[in-house]
N, C-alpha and C. Protein backbone atom coordinates (compact mmCIF):
# COMPACT_ATOMS: atom_id res chain seq x y z
N MET A 1 81.53 115.08 109.26
CA MET A 1 80.30 114.98 108.51
C MET A 1 79.13 114.98 109.51
N ASP A 2 78.15 115.83 109.29
CA ASP A 2 77.01 115.87 110.21
C ASP A 2 76.02 114.74 109.89
N ARG A 3 75.02 114.61 110.74
CA ARG A 3 74.07 113.50 110.63
C ARG A 3 73.34 113.50 109.29
N ARG A 4 72.93 114.66 108.83
CA ARG A 4 72.21 114.76 107.56
C ARG A 4 73.10 114.31 106.39
N GLN A 5 74.35 114.72 106.41
CA GLN A 5 75.28 114.31 105.36
C GLN A 5 75.52 112.80 105.39
N ARG A 6 75.64 112.24 106.60
CA ARG A 6 75.83 110.78 106.73
C ARG A 6 74.62 110.04 106.18
N LYS A 7 73.42 110.52 106.48
CA LYS A 7 72.20 109.87 105.98
C LYS A 7 72.13 109.92 104.46
N THR A 8 72.52 111.06 103.90
CA THR A 8 72.52 111.19 102.44
C THR A 8 73.54 110.24 101.83
N ARG A 9 74.72 110.20 102.40
CA ARG A 9 75.76 109.30 101.90
C ARG A 9 75.30 107.84 101.99
N GLU A 10 74.67 107.48 103.08
CA GLU A 10 74.15 106.11 103.24
C GLU A 10 73.08 105.81 102.18
N ALA A 11 72.22 106.79 101.89
CA ALA A 11 71.20 106.61 100.85
C ALA A 11 71.85 106.39 99.48
N ILE A 12 72.91 107.13 99.21
CA ILE A 12 73.64 106.97 97.94
C ILE A 12 74.27 105.58 97.89
N TYR A 13 74.92 105.15 98.97
CA TYR A 13 75.52 103.81 99.02
C TYR A 13 74.46 102.73 98.82
N ARG A 14 73.33 102.86 99.51
CA ARG A 14 72.26 101.86 99.36
C ARG A 14 71.77 101.80 97.92
N ALA A 15 71.56 102.96 97.32
CA ALA A 15 71.11 103.01 95.93
C ALA A 15 72.15 102.37 95.01
N PHE A 16 73.40 102.73 95.22
CA PHE A 16 74.50 102.20 94.40
C PHE A 16 74.59 100.69 94.53
N THR A 17 74.58 100.19 95.76
CA THR A 17 74.72 98.74 95.94
C THR A 17 73.51 97.98 95.43
N SER A 18 72.32 98.54 95.57
CA SER A 18 71.15 97.83 95.04
C SER A 18 71.20 97.78 93.51
N LEU A 19 71.66 98.86 92.89
CA LEU A 19 71.81 98.86 91.43
C LEU A 19 72.89 97.88 90.99
N MET A 20 73.96 97.78 91.76
CA MET A 20 75.05 96.87 91.41
C MET A 20 74.61 95.40 91.51
N ARG A 21 73.59 95.13 92.30
CA ARG A 21 73.05 93.76 92.37
C ARG A 21 72.24 93.43 91.12
N GLU A 22 71.80 94.46 90.42
CA GLU A 22 70.95 94.27 89.25
C GLU A 22 71.70 94.29 87.94
N GLU A 23 72.78 95.09 87.88
CA GLU A 23 73.53 95.17 86.63
C GLU A 23 74.99 95.54 86.88
N ASP A 24 75.79 95.40 85.84
CA ASP A 24 77.22 95.69 85.94
C ASP A 24 77.45 97.18 86.18
N TYR A 25 78.57 97.45 86.78
CA TYR A 25 78.97 98.81 87.11
C TYR A 25 78.90 99.73 85.88
N ALA A 26 79.39 99.28 84.74
CA ALA A 26 79.43 100.11 83.53
C ALA A 26 78.04 100.55 83.09
N LYS A 27 77.03 99.77 83.41
CA LYS A 27 75.67 100.09 82.99
C LYS A 27 74.93 101.00 83.97
N VAL A 28 75.44 101.11 85.18
CA VAL A 28 74.80 101.95 86.20
C VAL A 28 75.17 103.40 85.92
N THR A 29 74.16 104.27 85.90
CA THR A 29 74.40 105.69 85.66
C THR A 29 74.21 106.51 86.93
N VAL A 30 74.79 107.69 86.94
CA VAL A 30 74.60 108.59 88.07
C VAL A 30 73.12 108.91 88.22
N GLN A 31 72.41 109.08 87.09
CA GLN A 31 70.97 109.38 87.15
C GLN A 31 70.21 108.26 87.86
N GLN A 32 70.56 107.01 87.59
CA GLN A 32 69.90 105.89 88.28
C GLN A 32 70.17 105.95 89.78
N ILE A 33 71.39 106.26 90.15
CA ILE A 33 71.74 106.36 91.57
C ILE A 33 70.94 107.48 92.23
N ILE A 34 70.89 108.63 91.57
CA ILE A 34 70.14 109.78 92.08
C ILE A 34 68.67 109.43 92.26
N ASP A 35 68.09 108.81 91.23
CA ASP A 35 66.68 108.43 91.31
C ASP A 35 66.41 107.45 92.43
N ARG A 36 67.25 106.44 92.55
CA ARG A 36 67.06 105.41 93.57
C ARG A 36 67.27 105.97 94.97
N ALA A 37 68.23 106.88 95.12
CA ALA A 37 68.52 107.48 96.44
C ALA A 37 67.52 108.59 96.78
N ASP A 38 66.76 109.02 95.77
CA ASP A 38 65.78 110.10 95.94
C ASP A 38 66.44 111.38 96.42
N ILE A 39 67.49 111.75 95.68
CA ILE A 39 68.22 112.99 95.98
C ILE A 39 68.37 113.79 94.69
N GLY A 40 68.82 115.00 94.81
CA GLY A 40 69.08 115.83 93.64
C GLY A 40 70.48 115.60 93.10
N ARG A 41 70.65 116.00 91.85
CA ARG A 41 71.95 115.86 91.19
C ARG A 41 73.03 116.65 91.93
N THR A 42 72.70 117.86 92.35
CA THR A 42 73.66 118.68 93.08
C THR A 42 74.08 118.02 94.38
N THR A 43 73.12 117.38 95.04
CA THR A 43 73.43 116.67 96.29
C THR A 43 74.41 115.54 96.03
N PHE A 44 74.17 114.76 94.98
CA PHE A 44 75.08 113.67 94.65
C PHE A 44 76.49 114.23 94.43
N TYR A 45 76.58 115.27 93.59
CA TYR A 45 77.90 115.81 93.25
C TYR A 45 78.56 116.57 94.40
N SER A 46 77.80 116.92 95.41
CA SER A 46 78.44 117.52 96.59
C SER A 46 79.13 116.46 97.44
N HIS A 47 78.73 115.20 97.24
CA HIS A 47 79.35 114.09 97.97
C HIS A 47 80.42 113.39 97.13
N PHE A 48 80.17 113.25 95.83
CA PHE A 48 81.08 112.50 94.94
C PHE A 48 81.22 113.23 93.61
N GLU A 49 82.45 113.39 93.14
CA GLU A 49 82.68 114.07 91.87
C GLU A 49 82.19 113.26 90.69
N THR A 50 82.32 111.92 90.79
CA THR A 50 81.95 111.02 89.69
C THR A 50 81.45 109.70 90.26
N LYS A 51 80.94 108.88 89.39
CA LYS A 51 80.56 107.53 89.79
C LYS A 51 81.79 106.74 90.24
N ASP A 52 82.91 106.95 89.59
CA ASP A 52 84.16 106.29 90.00
C ASP A 52 84.58 106.71 91.40
N ALA A 53 84.38 108.00 91.73
CA ALA A 53 84.70 108.48 93.08
C ALA A 53 83.80 107.79 94.11
N LEU A 54 82.54 107.56 93.75
CA LEU A 54 81.63 106.81 94.62
C LEU A 54 82.15 105.40 94.83
N LEU A 55 82.57 104.74 93.76
CA LEU A 55 83.11 103.38 93.87
C LEU A 55 84.35 103.36 94.75
N LYS A 56 85.25 104.31 94.56
CA LYS A 56 86.46 104.38 95.39
C LYS A 56 86.12 104.58 96.86
N SER A 57 85.16 105.45 97.13
CA SER A 57 84.74 105.70 98.50
C SER A 57 84.10 104.45 99.10
N PHE A 58 83.27 103.77 98.31
CA PHE A 58 82.63 102.53 98.76
C PHE A 58 83.69 101.49 99.12
N CYS A 59 84.67 101.31 98.24
CA CYS A 59 85.76 100.36 98.50
C CYS A 59 86.54 100.76 99.74
N SER A 60 86.84 102.02 99.86
CA SER A 60 87.60 102.50 101.01
C SER A 60 86.84 102.24 102.31
N ASP A 61 85.55 102.51 102.32
CA ASP A 61 84.75 102.26 103.52
C ASP A 61 84.74 100.79 103.90
N ILE A 62 84.58 99.93 102.91
CA ILE A 62 84.59 98.48 103.17
C ILE A 62 85.96 98.08 103.72
N PHE A 63 87.01 98.46 103.03
CA PHE A 63 88.34 97.99 103.37
C PHE A 63 88.89 98.57 104.66
N ASP A 64 88.50 99.80 104.99
CA ASP A 64 88.97 100.38 106.24
C ASP A 64 88.54 99.53 107.43
N HIS A 65 87.32 99.04 107.40
CA HIS A 65 86.86 98.19 108.50
C HIS A 65 87.40 96.77 108.36
N VAL A 66 87.27 96.22 107.18
CA VAL A 66 87.64 94.82 106.94
C VAL A 66 89.10 94.56 107.28
N PHE A 67 89.96 95.51 106.97
CA PHE A 67 91.38 95.32 107.20
C PHE A 67 91.86 95.97 108.49
N SER A 68 90.94 96.27 109.39
CA SER A 68 91.35 96.88 110.65
C SER A 68 92.27 95.93 111.40
N GLU A 69 93.18 96.51 112.13
CA GLU A 69 94.17 95.72 112.87
C GLU A 69 93.53 94.87 113.97
N ASP A 70 92.42 95.33 114.50
CA ASP A 70 91.81 94.66 115.63
C ASP A 70 90.34 94.37 115.36
N PRO A 71 90.05 93.29 114.59
CA PRO A 71 88.65 93.00 114.31
C PRO A 71 87.91 92.63 115.60
N GLY A 72 86.76 93.21 115.78
CA GLY A 72 85.98 92.95 116.99
C GLY A 72 84.96 91.86 116.77
N LYS A 73 84.20 91.59 117.81
CA LYS A 73 83.12 90.62 117.74
C LYS A 73 81.97 91.24 116.96
N GLU A 74 81.45 90.47 116.00
CA GLU A 74 80.37 90.97 115.17
C GLU A 74 79.24 89.95 115.15
N LYS A 75 78.11 90.31 114.57
CA LYS A 75 76.93 89.44 114.55
C LYS A 75 77.23 88.06 113.95
N THR A 76 77.93 88.05 112.82
CA THR A 76 78.14 86.79 112.10
C THR A 76 79.43 86.08 112.44
N HIS A 77 80.34 86.75 113.13
CA HIS A 77 81.63 86.13 113.41
C HIS A 77 82.36 86.87 114.53
N ASP A 78 83.32 86.18 115.11
CA ASP A 78 84.11 86.79 116.18
C ASP A 78 85.57 86.37 116.02
N PHE A 79 86.38 87.30 115.53
CA PHE A 79 87.81 87.07 115.38
C PHE A 79 88.60 87.97 116.32
N SER A 80 87.93 88.47 117.36
CA SER A 80 88.59 89.39 118.27
C SER A 80 89.69 88.72 119.09
N HIS A 81 89.64 87.42 119.21
CA HIS A 81 90.62 86.70 120.03
C HIS A 81 91.69 85.98 119.19
N VAL A 82 91.57 86.01 117.88
CA VAL A 82 92.51 85.32 117.00
C VAL A 82 93.14 86.35 116.07
N HIS A 83 94.45 86.33 115.95
CA HIS A 83 95.12 87.35 115.16
C HIS A 83 96.07 86.77 114.12
N ASP A 84 95.90 85.52 113.73
CA ASP A 84 96.77 84.97 112.71
C ASP A 84 96.26 85.33 111.31
N THR A 85 97.06 85.08 110.31
CA THR A 85 96.74 85.48 108.94
C THR A 85 95.49 84.79 108.44
N LYS A 86 95.33 83.51 108.73
CA LYS A 86 94.15 82.79 108.24
C LYS A 86 92.87 83.36 108.85
N ALA A 87 92.90 83.68 110.13
CA ALA A 87 91.72 84.26 110.78
C ALA A 87 91.40 85.63 110.18
N ARG A 88 92.42 86.42 109.93
CA ARG A 88 92.19 87.75 109.34
C ARG A 88 91.65 87.62 107.92
N ALA A 89 92.15 86.65 107.16
CA ALA A 89 91.64 86.43 105.80
C ALA A 89 90.18 85.98 105.85
N THR A 90 89.85 85.13 106.78
CA THR A 90 88.46 84.67 106.93
C THR A 90 87.57 85.82 107.34
N HIS A 91 88.05 86.70 108.21
CA HIS A 91 87.32 87.90 108.60
C HIS A 91 87.00 88.75 107.36
N ILE A 92 87.98 88.92 106.50
CA ILE A 92 87.78 89.66 105.25
C ILE A 92 86.68 89.01 104.42
N LEU A 93 86.73 87.69 104.32
CA LEU A 93 85.74 86.98 103.52
C LEU A 93 84.33 87.13 104.09
N TYR A 94 84.19 87.18 105.39
CA TYR A 94 82.87 87.41 105.98
C TYR A 94 82.30 88.75 105.51
N HIS A 95 83.13 89.77 105.49
CA HIS A 95 82.64 91.08 105.06
C HIS A 95 82.39 91.13 103.56
N LEU A 96 83.21 90.46 102.80
CA LEU A 96 82.96 90.41 101.36
C LEU A 96 81.69 89.62 101.07
N GLN A 97 81.40 88.62 101.89
CA GLN A 97 80.17 87.84 101.71
C GLN A 97 78.93 88.74 101.83
N GLU A 98 78.99 89.73 102.71
CA GLU A 98 77.88 90.68 102.86
C GLU A 98 77.63 91.44 101.57
N HIS A 99 78.64 91.55 100.73
CA HIS A 99 78.55 92.31 99.49
C HIS A 99 78.71 91.42 98.26
N ILE A 100 78.51 90.12 98.40
CA ILE A 100 78.81 89.19 97.31
C ILE A 100 78.00 89.51 96.05
N GLY A 101 76.74 89.92 96.22
CA GLY A 101 75.92 90.28 95.07
C GLY A 101 76.43 91.51 94.36
N VAL A 102 76.97 92.45 95.11
CA VAL A 102 77.53 93.67 94.55
C VAL A 102 78.88 93.37 93.89
N LEU A 103 79.64 92.49 94.49
CA LEU A 103 80.98 92.18 93.97
C LEU A 103 80.96 91.66 92.55
N SER A 104 79.97 90.83 92.22
CA SER A 104 79.94 90.29 90.86
C SER A 104 79.78 91.42 89.84
N GLY A 105 79.01 92.46 90.18
CA GLY A 105 78.89 93.62 89.29
C GLY A 105 80.15 94.45 89.26
N ILE A 106 80.80 94.59 90.40
CA ILE A 106 82.03 95.39 90.48
C ILE A 106 83.18 94.69 89.76
N LEU A 107 83.23 93.37 89.85
CA LEU A 107 84.35 92.63 89.27
C LEU A 107 84.20 92.38 87.78
N SER A 108 83.23 93.02 87.17
CA SER A 108 83.08 92.91 85.73
C SER A 108 83.31 94.30 85.12
N GLY A 109 84.08 94.37 84.09
CA GLY A 109 84.28 95.63 83.40
C GLY A 109 85.27 96.57 84.06
N GLU A 110 85.05 97.86 83.84
CA GLU A 110 86.01 98.89 84.23
C GLU A 110 86.17 99.05 85.73
N SER A 111 85.17 98.70 86.51
CA SER A 111 85.26 98.87 87.97
C SER A 111 86.18 97.84 88.61
N ASP A 112 86.45 96.77 87.92
CA ASP A 112 87.31 95.71 88.42
C ASP A 112 88.68 96.26 88.81
N ALA A 113 89.25 97.10 87.98
CA ALA A 113 90.59 97.64 88.25
C ALA A 113 90.60 98.51 89.51
N VAL A 114 89.55 99.29 89.71
CA VAL A 114 89.47 100.14 90.90
C VAL A 114 89.39 99.28 92.15
N PHE A 115 88.46 98.35 92.17
CA PHE A 115 88.26 97.48 93.32
C PHE A 115 89.52 96.66 93.60
N MET A 116 90.04 96.01 92.57
CA MET A 116 91.20 95.14 92.75
C MET A 116 92.45 95.93 93.15
N GLY A 117 92.57 97.15 92.67
CA GLY A 117 93.71 97.98 93.08
C GLY A 117 93.70 98.22 94.58
N PHE A 118 92.54 98.63 95.12
CA PHE A 118 92.40 98.82 96.56
C PHE A 118 92.65 97.50 97.29
N PHE A 119 92.01 96.46 96.80
CA PHE A 119 92.05 95.16 97.46
C PHE A 119 93.47 94.62 97.51
N LYS A 120 94.18 94.67 96.41
CA LYS A 120 95.55 94.15 96.37
C LYS A 120 96.47 94.91 97.30
N GLU A 121 96.31 96.22 97.35
CA GLU A 121 97.13 97.02 98.25
C GLU A 121 96.94 96.60 99.71
N LYS A 122 95.69 96.42 100.11
CA LYS A 122 95.38 96.02 101.49
C LYS A 122 95.84 94.60 101.76
N LEU A 123 95.65 93.70 100.78
CA LEU A 123 96.09 92.31 100.96
C LEU A 123 97.60 92.21 101.10
N ALA A 124 98.32 93.02 100.34
CA ALA A 124 99.79 93.00 100.43
C ALA A 124 100.22 93.38 101.85
N GLU A 125 99.54 94.35 102.44
CA GLU A 125 99.85 94.72 103.83
C GLU A 125 99.56 93.56 104.78
N LEU A 126 98.42 92.89 104.56
CA LEU A 126 98.03 91.78 105.43
C LEU A 126 99.01 90.62 105.33
N PHE A 127 99.33 90.20 104.11
CA PHE A 127 100.14 89.01 103.91
C PHE A 127 101.65 89.27 104.05
N SER A 128 102.08 90.51 104.02
CA SER A 128 103.52 90.80 103.97
C SER A 128 104.31 90.20 105.13
N SER A 129 103.73 90.17 106.30
CA SER A 129 104.47 89.63 107.45
C SER A 129 104.41 88.10 107.52
N SER A 130 103.57 87.48 106.71
CA SER A 130 103.40 86.03 106.76
C SER A 130 104.12 85.29 105.64
N VAL A 131 104.69 86.02 104.72
CA VAL A 131 105.33 85.38 103.57
C VAL A 131 106.73 84.93 103.97
N PRO A 132 106.95 83.62 103.99
CA PRO A 132 108.28 83.13 104.36
C PRO A 132 109.29 83.37 103.24
N MET A 133 110.50 83.60 103.63
CA MET A 133 111.58 83.76 102.66
C MET A 133 112.03 82.38 102.21
N GLU A 134 112.38 82.28 100.94
CA GLU A 134 112.87 81.02 100.41
C GLU A 134 113.93 81.33 99.36
N PRO A 135 115.06 80.65 99.42
CA PRO A 135 116.11 80.90 98.43
C PRO A 135 115.59 80.66 97.00
N GLY A 136 116.00 81.52 96.11
CA GLY A 136 115.67 81.34 94.70
C GLY A 136 114.34 81.94 94.27
N VAL A 137 113.53 82.39 95.22
CA VAL A 137 112.24 83.00 94.88
C VAL A 137 112.18 84.38 95.53
N PRO A 138 112.18 85.43 94.72
CA PRO A 138 112.15 86.77 95.31
C PRO A 138 110.90 86.97 96.20
N TYR A 139 111.11 87.62 97.31
CA TYR A 139 110.02 87.89 98.26
C TYR A 139 108.85 88.59 97.56
N GLU A 140 109.13 89.61 96.74
CA GLU A 140 108.08 90.38 96.06
C GLU A 140 107.25 89.48 95.14
N TYR A 141 107.91 88.51 94.50
CA TYR A 141 107.20 87.59 93.62
C TYR A 141 106.25 86.71 94.43
N ARG A 142 106.74 86.19 95.51
CA ARG A 142 105.92 85.33 96.36
C ARG A 142 104.72 86.10 96.93
N LEU A 143 104.96 87.32 97.43
CA LEU A 143 103.88 88.15 97.96
C LEU A 143 102.85 88.43 96.87
N ASN A 144 103.32 88.79 95.68
CA ASN A 144 102.40 89.05 94.57
C ASN A 144 101.58 87.81 94.23
N SER A 145 102.20 86.64 94.25
CA SER A 145 101.48 85.39 93.95
C SER A 145 100.36 85.14 94.97
N ILE A 146 100.65 85.39 96.23
CA ILE A 146 99.66 85.19 97.29
C ILE A 146 98.52 86.18 97.15
N VAL A 147 98.85 87.44 96.94
CA VAL A 147 97.83 88.48 96.81
C VAL A 147 96.94 88.20 95.60
N CYS A 148 97.54 87.91 94.47
CA CYS A 148 96.76 87.63 93.26
C CYS A 148 95.93 86.35 93.43
N GLY A 149 96.49 85.37 94.11
CA GLY A 149 95.75 84.14 94.37
C GLY A 149 94.51 84.39 95.21
N PHE A 150 94.63 85.23 96.23
CA PHE A 150 93.48 85.55 97.08
C PHE A 150 92.44 86.33 96.29
N CYS A 151 92.90 87.27 95.47
CA CYS A 151 91.97 88.04 94.63
C CYS A 151 91.20 87.13 93.69
N GLU A 152 91.89 86.21 93.07
CA GLU A 152 91.22 85.28 92.16
C GLU A 152 90.30 84.31 92.91
N THR A 153 90.66 84.00 94.15
CA THR A 153 89.78 83.18 94.98
C THR A 153 88.46 83.92 95.22
N VAL A 154 88.53 85.21 95.52
CA VAL A 154 87.33 86.01 95.72
C VAL A 154 86.53 86.10 94.43
N ARG A 155 87.19 86.30 93.31
CA ARG A 155 86.50 86.35 92.01
C ARG A 155 85.77 85.02 91.76
N TRP A 156 86.45 83.90 92.02
CA TRP A 156 85.84 82.59 91.84
C TRP A 156 84.62 82.44 92.76
N TRP A 157 84.75 82.91 93.98
CA TRP A 157 83.68 82.80 94.98
C TRP A 157 82.43 83.56 94.54
N THR A 158 82.59 84.68 93.84
CA THR A 158 81.40 85.42 93.39
C THR A 158 80.59 84.61 92.39
N LYS A 159 81.22 83.66 91.74
CA LYS A 159 80.52 82.81 90.78
C LYS A 159 80.07 81.48 91.41
N HIS A 160 80.61 81.17 92.59
CA HIS A 160 80.30 79.92 93.30
C HIS A 160 80.00 80.26 94.76
N SER A 161 79.00 81.08 94.98
CA SER A 161 78.78 81.69 96.30
C SER A 161 78.15 80.76 97.33
N GLY A 162 78.02 79.50 97.03
CA GLY A 162 77.44 78.57 97.98
C GLY A 162 78.37 78.15 99.11
N TYR A 163 79.58 78.64 99.11
CA TYR A 163 80.56 78.26 100.12
C TYR A 163 80.62 79.29 101.24
N THR A 164 80.96 78.83 102.43
CA THR A 164 81.10 79.72 103.58
C THR A 164 82.47 80.41 103.54
N PRO A 165 82.63 81.49 104.27
CA PRO A 165 83.96 82.12 104.35
C PRO A 165 85.02 81.16 104.87
N GLU A 166 84.67 80.31 105.83
CA GLU A 166 85.65 79.34 106.35
C GLU A 166 86.08 78.36 105.27
N GLU A 167 85.13 77.91 104.45
CA GLU A 167 85.47 76.98 103.38
C GLU A 167 86.38 77.64 102.34
N ILE A 168 86.04 78.86 101.95
CA ILE A 168 86.86 79.57 100.96
C ILE A 168 88.26 79.82 101.52
N SER A 169 88.34 80.24 102.77
CA SER A 169 89.64 80.44 103.40
C SER A 169 90.42 79.12 103.43
N GLY A 170 89.75 78.04 103.76
CA GLY A 170 90.39 76.73 103.78
C GLY A 170 90.92 76.33 102.42
N PHE A 171 90.12 76.58 101.37
CA PHE A 171 90.57 76.27 100.01
C PHE A 171 91.83 77.06 99.68
N PHE A 172 91.80 78.35 99.98
CA PHE A 172 92.94 79.22 99.65
C PHE A 172 94.21 78.77 100.35
N PHE A 173 94.12 78.56 101.66
CA PHE A 173 95.33 78.22 102.41
C PHE A 173 95.81 76.80 102.09
N ALA A 174 94.90 75.91 101.71
CA ALA A 174 95.32 74.56 101.29
C ALA A 174 96.04 74.61 99.96
N ALA A 175 95.62 75.53 99.09
CA ALA A 175 96.22 75.63 97.76
C ALA A 175 97.52 76.43 97.74
N MET A 176 97.77 77.20 98.78
CA MET A 176 98.98 78.01 98.84
C MET A 176 100.07 77.25 99.58
N PRO A 177 101.10 76.86 98.88
CA PRO A 177 102.17 76.08 99.52
C PRO A 177 103.02 76.90 100.49
N TYR A 178 102.80 78.21 100.53
CA TYR A 178 103.64 79.07 101.35
C TYR A 178 103.24 79.07 102.82
N PHE A 179 102.04 78.59 103.12
CA PHE A 179 101.55 78.65 104.47
C PHE A 179 101.47 77.25 105.07
N ASP A 180 101.73 77.16 106.36
CA ASP A 180 101.62 75.87 107.06
C ASP A 180 100.20 75.64 107.51
């Protein structure tokens, strides 16, 4: 992608996220995104086939960095020296905190399934190596419980955003009996 295309895509993302802070995903229209990004309809559709494709791309961009194997030092946090599951989960929460206003719009209505589908897939990869085996409880069940628990923790956090990523991570790991 050349520089002009990247700038256009960034303008579309900015428009989309600012609209998501104002209203639910279902109420946001492509025309609103186009108007806010100050681009033409053809330009929008040359980047994204639909509003759902924009949402999928937005989620993918967030998750590709957030779930990177080697998180680096960043302005708000530094997990470059810690590689345990709790640190990686807290790293994820820091990035989600940057989008907390957008998340409440995404987690309502039809966009919830798209976001949560991406999120659950990535979380399953993250938690899969940390889930201890226990007789009588299938591994897949335990992994699913942890992934769904983390997703619901994030959903709860969008409604109670006064907590830090460390506090939310602490709540989650304290409530999950699977982790020491």
